[in-house]
Amino acid sequence: MDHDHNFKNLIVDYPRESIAFFAAVEAHAVDAGARILPLREEQLKERLGERFRELDVPLLVEWPDGRRAALVFVFEEETDPKRFSLHRLAHYCLDLAELYATDRVVPVVIFLRAGQFAAALRLGSETAAYLEFRYIACALFRLPARAHLHSRNLVARLNLPNMAYTPQEKLEVYAQAMRGLLELEPHPEKRLKYAGFVDIYAGLDDHERALYRQRYPQEAAAMTGFAEHFIQQGIQQGIQQGIQQGLALGVEAERRLLLHMVKQRFGAATAERSAPLLQRIADLHTLEALGEVVFDSADEADWLAAVTQAGA
């Protein structure tokens, strides 16, 4: 699992919310008048060694009215704390400060899994410290999920499955993450994208998914609803760009919706087996008809037989 890529997408898609959640001690100054821009990677590659920047996401926060000097936030996701290098992060931040001629750099490290990590770096002697380097550490595995169940910060809600909770709280945590996605993200494309993020880190098994559908039918139905909305949006966009492109968008979106429905009904293993079978079907009406077959099928074998026949 490429956790670095997942978190890079999250931070770039929701930079303001990421600063507010992962770097709360600095977030009070990032008001509505601030502008947040991801720094262009190609600029960084010209000056910074790849090994010092491969996990980092730098954001430039600036105030167009000039009332504050710009800040550079450096976000790094670290899955295993044992692999975290404080020297590498310090090296990267110094290079970044030199490149942008600023000493206003805020390093932030997001620790995903449990473990120990160094909090500060000190170079010097008994006489004096000649270099001291600290960073903001956001240890997700230590944060109590219950304290963030109703947060209005979407990044916090999406990360509920990465926080600390009891096994008995797992379904509630998953439901509140999905509810936050429905309440706080209006765009269907991003809803689908980050429903996948929540699924990855919640890791529900088939039994837990069945319990979730029983206990939270409204959220489960809403997931299907916004997936259908995404399909319609894709079709409308395709009409504007060309009939053929629109049909392709609709077909692909319908496949994604069907796989989501199959996963909810029969589990992840059946969805995985269904994916190559659905790829053989390019007709949108046939795919739409299979949506009813998912719910009418008596069991996994019945569904797989139906989808195989439809693609023959």
C-alpha atoms as a PDB file:
ATOM      1  CA  MET A   1       0.000   0.000   0.000  1.00  0.00           C
ATOM      2  CA  ASP A   2       1.461   3.381  -1.055  1.00  0.00           C
ATOM      3  CA  HIS A   3       0.608   5.349   2.081  1.00  0.00           C
ATOM      4  CA  ASP A   4       2.883   8.224   1.029  1.00  0.00           C
ATOM      5  CA  HIS A   5       0.861   8.695  -2.151  1.00  0.00           C
ATOM      6  CA  ASN A   6      -2.449   8.476  -0.259  1.00  0.00           C
ATOM      7  CA  PHE A   7      -1.444  11.200   2.181  1.00  0.00           C
ATOM      8  CA  LYS A   8       0.148  13.367  -0.483  1.00  0.00           C
ATOM      9  CA  ASN A   9      -3.176  13.374  -2.341  1.00  0.00           C
ATOM     10  CA  LEU A  10      -5.025  14.162   0.878  1.00  0.00           C
ATOM     11  CA  ILE A  11      -2.784  17.123   1.739  1.00  0.00           C
ATOM     12  CA  VAL A  12      -2.810  18.567  -1.784  1.00  0.00           C
ATOM     13  CA  ASP A  13      -6.604  18.182  -2.091  1.00  0.00           C
ATOM     14  CA  TYR A  14      -7.294  19.621   1.379  1.00  0.00           C
ATOM     15  CA  PRO A  15      -4.324  21.864   2.291  1.00  0.00           C
ATOM     16  CA  ARG A  16      -6.156  24.190   4.688  1.00  0.00           C
ATOM     17  CA  GLU A  17      -7.820  21.336   6.545  1.00  0.00           C
ATOM     18  CA  SER A  18      -4.491  19.455   6.674  1.00  0.00           C
ATOM     19  CA  ILE A  19      -2.725  22.381   8.305  1.00  0.00           C
ATOM     20  CA  ALA A  20      -5.599  22.821  10.780  1.00  0.00           C
ATOM     21  CA  PHE A  21      -5.527  19.154  11.795  1.00  0.00           C
ATOM     22  CA  PHE A  22      -1.926  17.982  11.459  1.00  0.00           C
ATOM     23  CA  ALA A  23      -0.319  21.285  12.552  1.00  0.00           C
ATOM     24  CA  ALA A  24      -2.891  22.756  14.920  1.00  0.00           C
ATOM     25  CA  VAL A  25      -0.378  24.854  16.870  1.00  0.00           C
ATOM     26  CA  GLU A  26       0.386  26.857  13.713  1.00  0.00           C
ATOM     27  CA  ALA A  27      -3.094  26.814  12.191  1.00  0.00           C
ATOM     28  CA  HIS A  28      -4.542  29.779  14.118  1.00  0.00           C
ATOM     29  CA  ALA A  29      -2.542  32.184  11.953  1.00  0.00           C
ATOM     30  CA  VAL A  30      -3.686  30.645   8.652  1.00  0.00           C
ATOM     31  CA  ASP A  31      -6.883  32.640   8.347  1.00  0.00           C
ATOM     32  CA  ALA A  32      -9.329  33.047   5.474  1.00  0.00           C
ATOM     33  CA  GLY A  33      -7.128  35.707   3.887  1.00  0.00           C
ATOM     34  CA  ALA A  34      -4.203  33.329   3.452  1.00  0.00           C
ATOM     35  CA  ARG A  35      -3.524  31.654   0.123  1.00  0.00           C
ATOM     36  CA  ILE A  36      -2.160  28.090   0.142  1.00  0.00           C
ATOM     37  CA  LEU A  37      -0.295  26.677  -2.838  1.00  0.00           C
ATOM     38  CA  PRO A  38       1.554  23.368  -3.272  1.00  0.00           C
ATOM     39  CA  LEU A  39       5.157  24.065  -4.273  1.00  0.00           C
ATOM     40  CA  ARG A  40       5.962  22.750  -7.715  1.00  0.00           C
ATOM     41  CA  GLU A  41       7.900  19.496  -7.581  1.00  0.00           C
ATOM     42  CA  GLU A  42       9.914  20.213 -10.697  1.00  0.00           C
ATOM     43  CA  GLN A  43      11.398  23.292  -8.992  1.00  0.00           C
ATOM     44  CA  LEU A  44      12.410  21.216  -5.997  1.00  0.00           C
ATOM     45  CA  LYS A  45      14.044  18.526  -8.122  1.00  0.00           C
ATOM     46  CA  GLU A  46      16.426  21.095  -9.599  1.00  0.00           C
ATOM     47  CA  ARG A  47      17.985  21.795  -6.224  1.00  0.00           C
ATOM     48  CA  LEU A  48      17.067  19.067  -3.741  1.00  0.00           C
ATOM     49  CA  GLY A  49      18.343  15.488  -3.768  1.00  0.00           C
ATOM     50  CA  GLU A  50      15.601  12.934  -4.479  1.00  0.00           C
ATOM     51  CA  ARG A  51      16.377  10.989  -1.327  1.00  0.00           C
ATOM     52  CA  PHE A  52      15.592  14.046   0.782  1.00  0.00           C
ATOM     53  CA  ARG A  53      12.313  14.935  -0.814  1.00  0.00           C
ATOM     54  CA  GLU A  54      10.606  11.756  -1.945  1.00  0.00           C
ATOM     55  CA  LEU A  55       8.152  11.628   0.982  1.00  0.00           C
ATOM     56  CA  ASP A  56       7.649  15.352   1.531  1.00  0.00           C
ATOM     57  CA  VAL A  57       4.754  17.623   0.536  1.00  0.00           C
ATOM     58  CA  PRO A  58       5.656  21.324   0.762  1.00  0.00           C
ATOM     59  CA  LEU A  59       2.902  23.963   0.887  1.00  0.00           C
ATOM     60  CA  LEU A  60       3.444  27.706   0.552  1.00  0.00           C
ATOM     61  CA  VAL A  61       1.143  29.834   2.716  1.00  0.00           C
ATOM     62  CA  GLU A  62       1.169  33.507   1.766  1.00  0.00           C
ATOM     63  CA  TRP A  63      -0.845  36.604   2.589  1.00  0.00           C
ATOM     64  CA  PRO A  64      -1.509  38.706  -0.537  1.00  0.00           C
ATOM     65  CA  ASP A  65      -2.093  41.826   1.545  1.00  0.00           C
ATOM     66  CA  GLY A  66       1.433  41.518   2.954  1.00  0.00           C
ATOM     67  CA  ARG A  67       0.434  41.559   6.615  1.00  0.00           C
ATOM     68  CA  ARG A  68       2.520  38.435   7.292  1.00  0.00           C
ATOM     69  CA  ALA A  69       5.570  36.916   5.699  1.00  0.00           C
ATOM     70  CA  ALA A  70       5.014  33.680   3.828  1.00  0.00           C
ATOM     71  CA  LEU A  71       5.319  30.312   5.575  1.00  0.00           C
ATOM     72  CA  VAL A  72       6.431  27.021   4.044  1.00  0.00           C
ATOM     73  CA  PHE A  73       4.840  23.917   5.585  1.00  0.00           C
ATOM     74  CA  VAL A  74       6.630  20.626   4.971  1.00  0.00           C
ATOM     75  CA  PHE A  75       4.469  17.533   5.477  1.00  0.00           C
ATOM     76  CA  GLU A  76       5.952  14.051   5.662  1.00  0.00           C
ATOM     77  CA  GLU A  77       3.981  10.840   6.208  1.00  0.00           C
ATOM     78  CA  GLU A  78       5.904   8.094   7.984  1.00  0.00           C
ATOM     79  CA  THR A  79       4.252   4.670   8.105  1.00  0.00           C
ATOM     80  CA  ASP A  80       6.851   2.978  10.304  1.00  0.00           C
ATOM     81  CA  PRO A  81       8.420   5.311  12.923  1.00  0.00           C
ATOM     82  CA  LYS A  82      11.564   3.146  12.972  1.00  0.00           C
ATOM     83  CA  ARG A  83      12.309   4.291   9.422  1.00  0.00           C
ATOM     84  CA  PHE A  84      11.923   7.980  10.233  1.00  0.00           C
ATOM     85  CA  SER A  85      15.138   9.977   9.792  1.00  0.00           C
ATOM     86  CA  LEU A  86      15.252  13.256  11.680  1.00  0.00           C
ATOM     87  CA  HIS A  87      18.553  14.099   9.971  1.00  0.00           C
ATOM     88  CA  ARG A  88      16.962  13.620   6.537  1.00  0.00           C
ATOM     89  CA  LEU A  89      14.051  15.905   7.446  1.00  0.00           C
ATOM     90  CA  ALA A  90      16.389  18.581   8.831  1.00  0.00           C
ATOM     91  CA  HIS A  91      18.533  18.366   5.698  1.00  0.00           C
ATOM     92  CA  TYR A  92      15.460  18.759   3.490  1.00  0.00           C
ATOM     93  CA  CYS A  93      14.125  21.745   5.449  1.00  0.00           C
ATOM     94  CA  LEU A  94      17.505  23.506   5.296  1.00  0.00           C
ATOM     95  CA  ASP A  95      17.673  22.961   1.532  1.00  0.00           C
ATOM     96  CA  LEU A  96      14.112  24.221   1.149  1.00  0.00           C
ATOM     97  CA  ALA A  97      14.855  27.320   3.253  1.00  0.00           C
ATOM     98  CA  GLU A  98      17.882  28.082   1.092  1.00  0.00           C
ATOM     99  CA  LEU A  99      15.991  27.511  -2.154  1.00  0.00           C
ATOM    100  CA  TYR A 100      13.172  29.903  -1.188  1.00  0.00           C
ATOM    101  CA  ALA A 101      15.369  32.325   0.783  1.00  0.00           C
ATOM    102  CA  THR A 102      13.293  32.041   3.948  1.00  0.00           C
ATOM    103  CA  ASP A 103      13.705  30.909   7.524  1.00  0.00           C
ATOM    104  CA  ARG A 104       9.935  30.498   7.965  1.00  0.00           C
ATOM    105  CA  VAL A 105       9.665  26.725   7.509  1.00  0.00           C
ATOM    106  CA  VAL A 106       7.300  24.512   9.547  1.00  0.00           C
ATOM    107  CA  PRO A 107       8.099  20.761   9.389  1.00  0.00           C
ATOM    108  CA  VAL A 108       5.233  18.365  10.173  1.00  0.00           C
ATOM    109  CA  VAL A 109       5.511  14.566  10.393  1.00  0.00           C
ATOM    110  CA  ILE A 110       2.427  12.334  10.356  1.00  0.00           C
ATOM    111  CA  PHE A 111       3.075   8.998  12.054  1.00  0.00           C
ATOM    112  CA  LEU A 112       0.623   6.352  10.884  1.00  0.00           C
ATOM    113  CA  ARG A 113       1.607   3.260  12.862  1.00  0.00           C
ATOM    114  CA  ALA A 114       2.630   2.793  16.489  1.00  0.00           C
ATOM    115  CA  GLY A 115       6.283   3.116  17.472  1.00  0.00           C
ATOM    116  CA  GLN A 116       8.911   5.357  19.022  1.00  0.00           C
ATOM    117  CA  PHE A 117      10.471   8.328  17.223  1.00  0.00           C
ATOM    118  CA  ALA A 118      12.927  11.089  18.038  1.00  0.00           C
ATOM    119  CA  ALA A 119      11.359  14.456  18.847  1.00  0.00           C
ATOM    120  CA  ALA A 120      14.343  16.762  18.343  1.00  0.00           C
ATOM    121  CA  LEU A 121      17.862  16.962  16.937  1.00  0.00           C
ATOM    122  CA  ARG A 122      20.663  18.759  18.779  1.00  0.00           C
ATOM    123  CA  LEU A 123      24.179  19.280  17.420  1.00  0.00           C
ATOM    124  CA  GLY A 124      26.774  20.724  19.760  1.00  0.00           C
ATOM    125  CA  SER A 125      28.823  20.022  22.834  1.00  0.00           C
ATOM    126  CA  GLU A 126      28.592  20.364  26.605  1.00  0.00           C
ATOM    127  CA  THR A 127      29.294  24.039  26.119  1.00  0.00           C
ATOM    128  CA  ALA A 128      26.551  24.963  23.681  1.00  0.00           C
ATOM    129  CA  ALA A 129      24.025  23.745  21.130  1.00  0.00           C
ATOM    130  CA  TYR A 130      24.997  24.900  17.658  1.00  0.00           C
ATOM    131  CA  LEU A 131      22.003  23.514  15.828  1.00  0.00           C
ATOM    132  CA  GLU A 132      18.637  22.567  17.279  1.00  0.00           C
ATOM    133  CA  PHE A 133      15.877  21.174  15.098  1.00  0.00           C
ATOM    134  CA  ARG A 134      12.337  20.275  16.121  1.00  0.00           C
ATOM    135  CA  TYR A 135       9.163  19.494  14.211  1.00  0.00           C
ATOM    136  CA  ILE A 136       5.419  19.048  14.778  1.00  0.00           C
ATOM    137  CA  ALA A 137       4.670  15.370  15.350  1.00  0.00           C
ATOM    138  CA  CYS A 138       1.138  14.177  14.641  1.00  0.00           C
ATOM    139  CA  ALA A 139       0.970  10.581  15.897  1.00  0.00           C
ATOM    140  CA  LEU A 140      -2.363   9.457  14.491  1.00  0.00           C
ATOM    141  CA  PHE A 141      -2.224   6.146  16.339  1.00  0.00           C
ATOM    142  CA  ARG A 142      -2.283   8.017  19.680  1.00  0.00           C
ATOM    143  CA  LEU A 143      -5.181  10.350  18.941  1.00  0.00           C
ATOM    144  CA  PRO A 144      -8.506   9.221  20.464  1.00  0.00           C
ATOM    145  CA  ALA A 145     -10.983   8.760  17.629  1.00  0.00           C
ATOM    146  CA  ARG A 146     -13.889   9.545  19.949  1.00  0.00           C
ATOM    147  CA  ALA A 147     -12.627  13.110  20.368  1.00  0.00           C
ATOM    148  CA  HIS A 148     -12.938  13.681  16.591  1.00  0.00           C
ATOM    149  CA  LEU A 149     -16.109  11.764  15.700  1.00  0.00           C
ATOM    150  CA  HIS A 150     -18.052  14.972  15.004  1.00  0.00           C
ATOM    151  CA  SER A 151     -15.205  17.185  13.789  1.00  0.00           C
ATOM    152  CA  ARG A 152     -16.040  19.676  11.036  1.00  0.00           C
ATOM    153  CA  ASN A 153     -12.556  19.169   9.631  1.00  0.00           C
ATOM    154  CA  LEU A 154     -12.799  16.680   6.766  1.00  0.00           C
ATOM    155  CA  VAL A 155      -9.169  15.563   7.080  1.00  0.00           C
ATOM    156  CA  ALA A 156      -9.803  14.650  10.722  1.00  0.00           C
ATOM    157  CA  ARG A 157     -12.941  12.705   9.823  1.00  0.00           C
ATOM    158  CA  LEU A 158     -11.231  10.794   7.003  1.00  0.00           C
ATOM    159  CA  ASN A 159      -8.453   9.791   9.389  1.00  0.00           C
ATOM    160  CA  LEU A 160     -10.734   8.429  12.101  1.00  0.00           C
ATOM    161  CA  PRO A 161      -9.830   4.820  11.151  1.00  0.00           C
ATOM    162  CA  ASN A 162      -6.150   5.686  11.708  1.00  0.00           C
ATOM    163  CA  MET A 163      -6.769   6.846  15.286  1.00  0.00           C
ATOM    164  CA  ALA A 164      -7.069   4.940  18.556  1.00  0.00           C
ATOM    165  CA  TYR A 165     -10.344   3.170  19.314  1.00  0.00           C
ATOM    166  CA  THR A 166     -11.589  -0.090  20.772  1.00  0.00           C
ATOM    167  CA  PRO A 167     -12.731  -3.009  18.593  1.00  0.00           C
ATOM    168  CA  GLN A 168     -16.302  -2.302  19.731  1.00  0.00           C
ATOM    169  CA  GLU A 169     -16.035   1.244  18.329  1.00  0.00           C
ATOM    170  CA  LYS A 170     -14.772   0.229  14.883  1.00  0.00           C
ATOM    171  CA  LEU A 171     -18.095   0.397  13.013  1.00  0.00           C
ATOM    172  CA  GLU A 172     -19.026   3.715  14.611  1.00  0.00           C
ATOM    173  CA  VAL A 173     -15.635   5.133  13.634  1.00  0.00           C
ATOM    174  CA  TYR A 174     -16.115   3.941  10.048  1.00  0.00           C
ATOM    175  CA  ALA A 175     -19.660   5.310   9.907  1.00  0.00           C
ATOM    176  CA  GLN A 176     -18.610   8.723  11.237  1.00  0.00           C
ATOM    177  CA  ALA A 177     -15.788   8.903   8.714  1.00  0.00           C
ATOM    178  CA  MET A 178     -18.219   8.184   5.865  1.00  0.00           C
ATOM    179  CA  ARG A 179     -20.803  10.549   7.327  1.00  0.00           C
ATOM    180  CA  GLY A 180     -18.174  13.290   7.469  1.00  0.00           C
ATOM    181  CA  LEU A 181     -17.339  12.652   3.818  1.00  0.00           C
ATOM    182  CA  LEU A 182     -21.023  12.996   2.892  1.00  0.00           C
ATOM    183  CA  GLU A 183     -21.537  16.122   4.980  1.00  0.00           C
ATOM    184  CA  LEU A 184     -18.307  18.005   4.271  1.00  0.00           C
ATOM    185  CA  GLU A 185     -17.369  17.093   0.674  1.00  0.00           C
ATOM    186  CA  PRO A 186     -19.927  18.229  -1.952  1.00  0.00           C
ATOM    187  CA  HIS A 187     -18.132  16.865  -5.030  1.00  0.00           C
ATOM    188  CA  PRO A 188     -19.045  13.304  -6.105  1.00  0.00           C
ATOM    189  CA  GLU A 189     -15.620  12.591  -7.609  1.00  0.00           C
ATOM    190  CA  LYS A 190     -13.833  13.374  -4.361  1.00  0.00           C
ATOM    191  CA  ARG A 191     -16.452  11.489  -2.373  1.00  0.00           C
ATOM    192  CA  LEU A 192     -15.685   8.345  -4.344  1.00  0.00           C
ATOM    193  CA  LYS A 193     -11.952   8.970  -4.127  1.00  0.00           C
ATOM    194  CA  TYR A 194     -11.911   9.386  -0.353  1.00  0.00           C
ATOM    195  CA  ALA A 195     -14.465   6.683   0.324  1.00  0.00           C
ATOM    196  CA  GLY A 196     -11.629   4.487  -0.915  1.00  0.00           C
ATOM    197  CA  PHE A 197      -9.223   6.184   1.513  1.00  0.00           C
ATOM    198  CA  VAL A 198     -11.536   5.390   4.441  1.00  0.00           C
ATOM    199  CA  ASP A 199     -12.022   1.804   3.217  1.00  0.00           C
ATOM    200  CA  ILE A 200      -8.277   1.213   3.010  1.00  0.00           C
ATOM    201  CA  TYR A 201      -7.541   2.326   6.554  1.00  0.00           C
ATOM    202  CA  ALA A 202     -10.696   0.930   8.182  1.00  0.00           C
ATOM    203  CA  GLY A 203     -10.059  -2.530   6.732  1.00  0.00           C
ATOM    204  CA  LEU A 204     -13.549  -3.927   7.366  1.00  0.00           C
ATOM    205  CA  ASP A 205     -13.981  -7.622   6.706  1.00  0.00           C
ATOM    206  CA  ASP A 206     -17.094  -9.052   5.055  1.00  0.00           C
ATOM    207  CA  HIS A 207     -18.830  -9.698   8.375  1.00  0.00           C
ATOM    208  CA  GLU A 208     -18.174  -6.142   9.539  1.00  0.00           C
ATOM    209  CA  ARG A 209     -19.491  -4.748   6.241  1.00  0.00           C
ATOM    210  CA  ALA A 210     -22.715  -6.711   6.673  1.00  0.00           C
ATOM    211  CA  LEU A 211     -23.100  -5.352  10.216  1.00  0.00           C
ATOM    212  CA  TYR A 212     -22.391  -1.843   8.932  1.00  0.00           C
ATOM    213  CA  ARG A 213     -25.196  -2.091   6.356  1.00  0.00           C
ATOM    214  CA  GLN A 214     -27.569  -3.270   9.087  1.00  0.00           C
ATOM    215  CA  ARG A 215     -26.639  -0.640  11.655  1.00  0.00           C
ATOM    216  CA  TYR A 216     -26.074   2.304   9.314  1.00  0.00           C
ATOM    217  CA  PRO A 217     -28.444   1.772   6.360  1.00  0.00           C
ATOM    218  CA  GLN A 218     -28.753   5.511   5.701  1.00  0.00           C
ATOM    219  CA  GLU A 219     -25.003   5.986   5.217  1.00  0.00           C
ATOM    220  CA  ALA A 220     -24.727   2.811   3.108  1.00  0.00           C
ATOM    221  CA  ALA A 221     -27.572   3.992   0.865  1.00  0.00           C
ATOM    222  CA  ALA A 222     -26.078   7.467   0.578  1.00  0.00           C
ATOM    223  CA  MET A 223     -22.801   5.984  -0.652  1.00  0.00           C
ATOM    224  CA  THR A 224     -24.641   4.321  -3.512  1.00  0.00           C
ATOM    225  CA  GLY A 225     -26.574   7.532  -4.131  1.00  0.00           C
ATOM    226  CA  PHE A 226     -23.588   9.773  -4.601  1.00  0.00           C
ATOM    227  CA  ALA A 227     -21.906   7.140  -6.768  1.00  0.00           C
ATOM    228  CA  GLU A 228     -24.955   7.278  -9.061  1.00  0.00           C
ATOM    229  CA  HIS A 229     -24.740  11.072  -9.051  1.00  0.00           C
ATOM    230  CA  PHE A 230     -21.114  10.763 -10.164  1.00  0.00           C
ATOM    231  CA  ILE A 231     -22.214   8.613 -13.088  1.00  0.00           C
ATOM    232  CA  GLN A 232     -24.740  11.208 -14.208  1.00  0.00           C
ATOM    233  CA  GLN A 233     -22.170  13.965 -13.846  1.00  0.00           C
ATOM    234  CA  GLY A 234     -19.726  11.980 -15.956  1.00  0.00           C
ATOM    235  CA  ILE A 235     -22.340  11.489 -18.659  1.00  0.00           C
ATOM    236  CA  GLN A 236     -23.238  15.184 -18.708  1.00  0.00           C
ATOM    237  CA  GLN A 237     -19.592  16.171 -18.904  1.00  0.00           C
ATOM    238  CA  GLY A 238     -19.150  13.703 -21.725  1.00  0.00           C
ATOM    239  CA  ILE A 239     -22.048  15.244 -23.659  1.00  0.00           C
ATOM    240  CA  GLN A 240     -20.248  18.574 -23.526  1.00  0.00           C
ATOM    241  CA  GLN A 241     -16.937  17.084 -24.638  1.00  0.00           C
ATOM    242  CA  GLY A 242     -18.311  14.584 -27.144  1.00  0.00           C
ATOM    243  CA  ILE A 243     -20.815  11.753 -27.151  1.00  0.00           C
ATOM    244  CA  GLN A 244     -18.199   8.993 -27.273  1.00  0.00           C
ATOM    245  CA  GLN A 245     -16.182  10.391 -24.383  1.00  0.00           C
ATOM    246  CA  GLY A 246     -19.368  10.810 -22.385  1.00  0.00           C
ATOM    247  CA  LEU A 247     -20.335   7.188 -22.893  1.00  0.00           C
ATOM    248  CA  ALA A 248     -16.862   6.068 -21.850  1.00  0.00           C
ATOM    249  CA  LEU A 249     -17.115   8.109 -18.644  1.00  0.00           C
ATOM    250  CA  GLY A 250     -20.555   6.687 -17.925  1.00  0.00           C
ATOM    251  CA  VAL A 251     -19.458   3.087 -18.555  1.00  0.00           C
ATOM    252  CA  GLU A 252     -16.398   3.383 -16.320  1.00  0.00           C
ATOM    253  CA  ALA A 253     -18.391   5.084 -13.571  1.00  0.00           C
ATOM    254  CA  GLU A 254     -21.078   2.376 -13.796  1.00  0.00           C
ATOM    255  CA  ARG A 255     -18.404  -0.319 -13.437  1.00  0.00           C
ATOM    256  CA  ARG A 256     -17.058   1.427 -10.340  1.00  0.00           C
ATOM    257  CA  LEU A 257     -20.522   1.671  -8.841  1.00  0.00           C
ATOM    258  CA  LEU A 258     -21.235  -2.019  -9.540  1.00  0.00           C
ATOM    259  CA  LEU A 259     -17.965  -3.057  -7.899  1.00  0.00           C
ATOM    260  CA  HIS A 260     -18.839  -0.985  -4.853  1.00  0.00           C
ATOM    261  CA  MET A 261     -22.288  -2.603  -4.682  1.00  0.00           C
ATOM    262  CA  VAL A 262     -20.825  -6.102  -5.100  1.00  0.00           C
ATOM    263  CA  LYS A 263     -18.304  -5.409  -2.356  1.00  0.00           C
ATOM    264  CA  GLN A 264     -21.085  -4.278  -0.025  1.00  0.00           C
ATOM    265  CA  ARG A 265     -23.302  -7.291  -0.855  1.00  0.00           C
ATOM    266  CA  PHE A 266     -20.847 -10.181  -1.235  1.00  0.00           C
ATOM    267  CA  GLY A 267     -17.491  -8.912   0.057  1.00  0.00           C
ATOM    268  CA  ALA A 268     -14.145  -7.748  -1.306  1.00  0.00           C
ATOM    269  CA  ALA A 269     -13.092 -11.125  -2.731  1.00  0.00           C
ATOM    270  CA  THR A 270     -16.183 -11.326  -4.963  1.00  0.00           C
ATOM    271  CA  ALA A 271     -15.664  -7.721  -6.094  1.00  0.00           C
ATOM    272  CA  GLU A 272     -12.099  -8.610  -7.093  1.00  0.00           C
ATOM    273  CA  ARG A 273     -13.317 -11.599  -9.125  1.00  0.00           C
ATOM    274  CA  SER A 274     -16.013  -9.438 -10.728  1.00  0.00           C
ATOM    275  CA  ALA A 275     -13.676  -6.697 -11.946  1.00  0.00           C
ATOM    276  CA  PRO A 276     -12.227  -8.503 -15.016  1.00  0.00           C
ATOM    277  CA  LEU A 277     -15.698  -9.813 -15.947  1.00  0.00           C
ATOM    278  CA  LEU A 278     -17.150  -6.284 -15.901  1.00  0.00           C
ATOM    279  CA  GLN A 279     -14.258  -5.011 -18.048  1.00  0.00           C
ATOM    280  CA  ARG A 280     -15.608  -7.194 -20.874  1.00  0.00           C
ATOM    281  CA  ILE A 281     -18.913  -5.273 -20.868  1.00  0.00           C
ATOM    282  CA  ALA A 282     -18.820  -1.932 -22.691  1.00  0.00           C
ATOM    283  CA  ASP A 283     -22.573  -1.365 -23.029  1.00  0.00           C
ATOM    284  CA  LEU A 284     -23.901   1.128 -20.478  1.00  0.00           C
ATOM    285  CA  HIS A 285     -27.466  -0.258 -20.498  1.00  0.00           C
ATOM    286  CA  THR A 286     -26.201  -3.775 -19.781  1.00  0.00           C
ATOM    287  CA  LEU A 287     -24.129  -2.493 -16.859  1.00  0.00           C
ATOM    288  CA  GLU A 288     -27.095  -0.525 -15.496  1.00  0.00           C
ATOM    289  CA  ALA A 289     -29.268  -3.659 -15.678  1.00  0.00           C
ATOM    290  CA  LEU A 290     -26.670  -5.577 -13.684  1.00  0.00           C
ATOM    291  CA  GLY A 291     -27.245  -3.146 -10.805  1.00  0.00           C
ATOM    292  CA  GLU A 292     -30.565  -4.867 -10.117  1.00  0.00           C
ATOM    293  CA  VAL A 293     -28.975  -8.295 -10.559  1.00  0.00           C
ATOM    294  CA  VAL A 294     -26.610  -7.581  -7.656  1.00  0.00           C
ATOM    295  CA  PHE A 295     -29.545  -7.391  -5.259  1.00  0.00           C
ATOM    296  CA  ASP A 296     -31.611 -10.137  -6.949  1.00  0.00           C
ATOM    297  CA  SER A 297     -28.801 -12.709  -6.897  1.00  0.00           C
ATOM    298  CA  ALA A 298     -29.238 -15.395  -4.265  1.00  0.00           C
ATOM    299  CA  ASP A 299     -25.506 -15.721  -3.604  1.00  0.00           C
ATOM    300  CA  GLU A 300     -22.045 -15.063  -4.993  1.00  0.00           C
ATOM    301  CA  ALA A 301     -22.222 -17.910  -7.520  1.00  0.00           C
ATOM    302  CA  ASP A 302     -25.539 -16.645  -8.879  1.00  0.00           C
ATOM    303  CA  TRP A 303     -24.084 -13.154  -9.377  1.00  0.00           C
ATOM    304  CA  LEU A 304     -20.879 -14.369 -11.041  1.00  0.00           C
ATOM    305  CA  ALA A 305     -22.869 -16.564 -13.425  1.00  0.00           C
ATOM    306  CA  ALA A 306     -25.060 -13.604 -14.398  1.00  0.00           C
ATOM    307  CA  VAL A 307     -22.176 -11.228 -15.033  1.00  0.00           C
ATOM    308  CA  THR A 308     -20.278 -13.905 -17.014  1.00  0.00           C
ATOM    309  CA  GLN A 309     -23.304 -14.457 -19.228  1.00  0.00           C
ATOM    310  CA  ALA A 310     -23.756 -10.698 -19.732  1.00  0.00           C
ATOM    311  CA  GLY A 311     -20.179 -10.359 -20.947  1.00  0.00           C
ATOM    312  CA  ALA A 312     -20.272 -13.374 -23.250  1.00  0.00           C
END
